[in-house]
Amino acid sequence: MNGWADGIQSAIQYIEDNLTEEIEIEDIASKAYVSAFYFQKIFSVLCGLTVGEYIRNRRLTLAAEEL
């Protein structure tokens, strides 16, 4: 990994690939090679929202597209 941004990008790609499935924070954090605790803090700082908010917003976007 070249840095936090690469880890976050890998985690976001994992979320996108599994958006319609049950996603555990531990699985997401493992893609960024950090603990779930630190991943959530890093994600919030870099992205401006929590992991849960990001997932919820993406799922709502998918649902809106289907309408």
Protein backbone atom coordinates (compact mmCIF):
# COMPACT_ATOMS: atom_id res chain seq x y z
CA MET A 1 0.00 0.00 0.00
CA ASN A 2 1.23 3.46 -0.83
CA GLY A 3 -0.73 5.15 1.93
CA TRP A 4 -4.05 5.75 3.63
CA ALA A 5 -5.73 6.86 0.43
CA ASP A 6 -4.89 3.58 -1.33
CA GLY A 7 -6.25 1.59 1.60
CA ILE A 8 -9.44 3.61 1.65
CA GLN A 9 -9.81 3.20 -2.11
CA SER A 10 -9.46 -0.59 -1.80
CA ALA A 11 -12.06 -0.60 0.95
CA ILE A 12 -14.46 1.55 -1.09
CA GLN A 13 -14.05 -0.79 -4.04
CA TYR A 14 -14.89 -3.72 -1.76
CA ILE A 15 -18.00 -1.88 -0.54
CA GLU A 16 -19.07 -1.13 -4.13
CA ASP A 17 -18.52 -4.75 -5.18
CA ASN A 18 -20.62 -6.03 -2.27
CA LEU A 19 -23.18 -3.24 -1.90
CA THR A 20 -26.20 -5.53 -2.18
CA GLU A 21 -24.80 -7.99 0.36
CA GLU A 22 -24.37 -7.90 4.13
CA ILE A 23 -21.09 -6.06 4.76
CA GLU A 24 -19.13 -6.32 8.01
CA ILE A 25 -16.84 -3.48 9.05
CA GLU A 26 -14.10 -5.97 9.87
CA ASP A 27 -14.13 -7.22 6.26
CA ILE A 28 -13.98 -3.69 4.91
CA ALA A 29 -11.16 -2.70 7.27
CA SER A 30 -9.13 -5.75 6.27
CA LYS A 31 -9.01 -4.39 2.71
CA ALA A 32 -7.26 -1.29 4.08
CA TYR A 33 -4.97 -3.39 6.31
CA VAL A 34 -6.06 -1.66 9.54
CA SER A 35 -8.31 -2.49 12.48
CA ALA A 36 -12.02 -1.75 12.25
CA PHE A 37 -11.63 0.96 14.89
CA TYR A 38 -8.90 2.85 13.02
CA PHE A 39 -10.53 2.30 9.65
CA GLN A 40 -13.71 4.01 10.80
CA LYS A 41 -11.76 6.98 12.14
CA ILE A 42 -9.60 7.29 9.01
CA PHE A 43 -12.60 6.91 6.69
CA SER A 44 -14.52 9.64 8.50
CA VAL A 45 -11.60 12.07 8.33
CA LEU A 46 -10.80 11.42 4.67
CA CYS A 47 -14.35 11.06 3.33
CA GLY A 48 -16.35 13.34 5.59
CA LEU A 49 -18.92 10.71 6.56
CA THR A 50 -19.05 7.49 8.50
CA VAL A 51 -18.76 4.11 6.80
CA GLY A 52 -22.41 3.41 7.65
CA GLU A 53 -23.53 6.71 6.12
CA TYR A 54 -21.54 5.99 2.96
CA ILE A 55 -23.06 2.52 2.58
CA ARG A 56 -26.58 3.81 3.29
CA ASN A 57 -26.21 6.64 0.76
CA ARG A 58 -24.89 4.29 -1.92
CA ARG A 59 -27.74 1.82 -1.33
CA LEU A 60 -30.28 4.64 -1.54
CA THR A 61 -28.73 5.76 -4.80
CA LEU A 62 -29.04 2.25 -6.23
CA ALA A 63 -32.66 2.05 -5.10
CA ALA A 64 -33.44 5.43 -6.68
CA GLU A 65 -31.88 4.30 -9.97
CA GLU A 66 -34.17 1.25 -10.01
CA LEU A 67 -37.26 3.47 -9.72
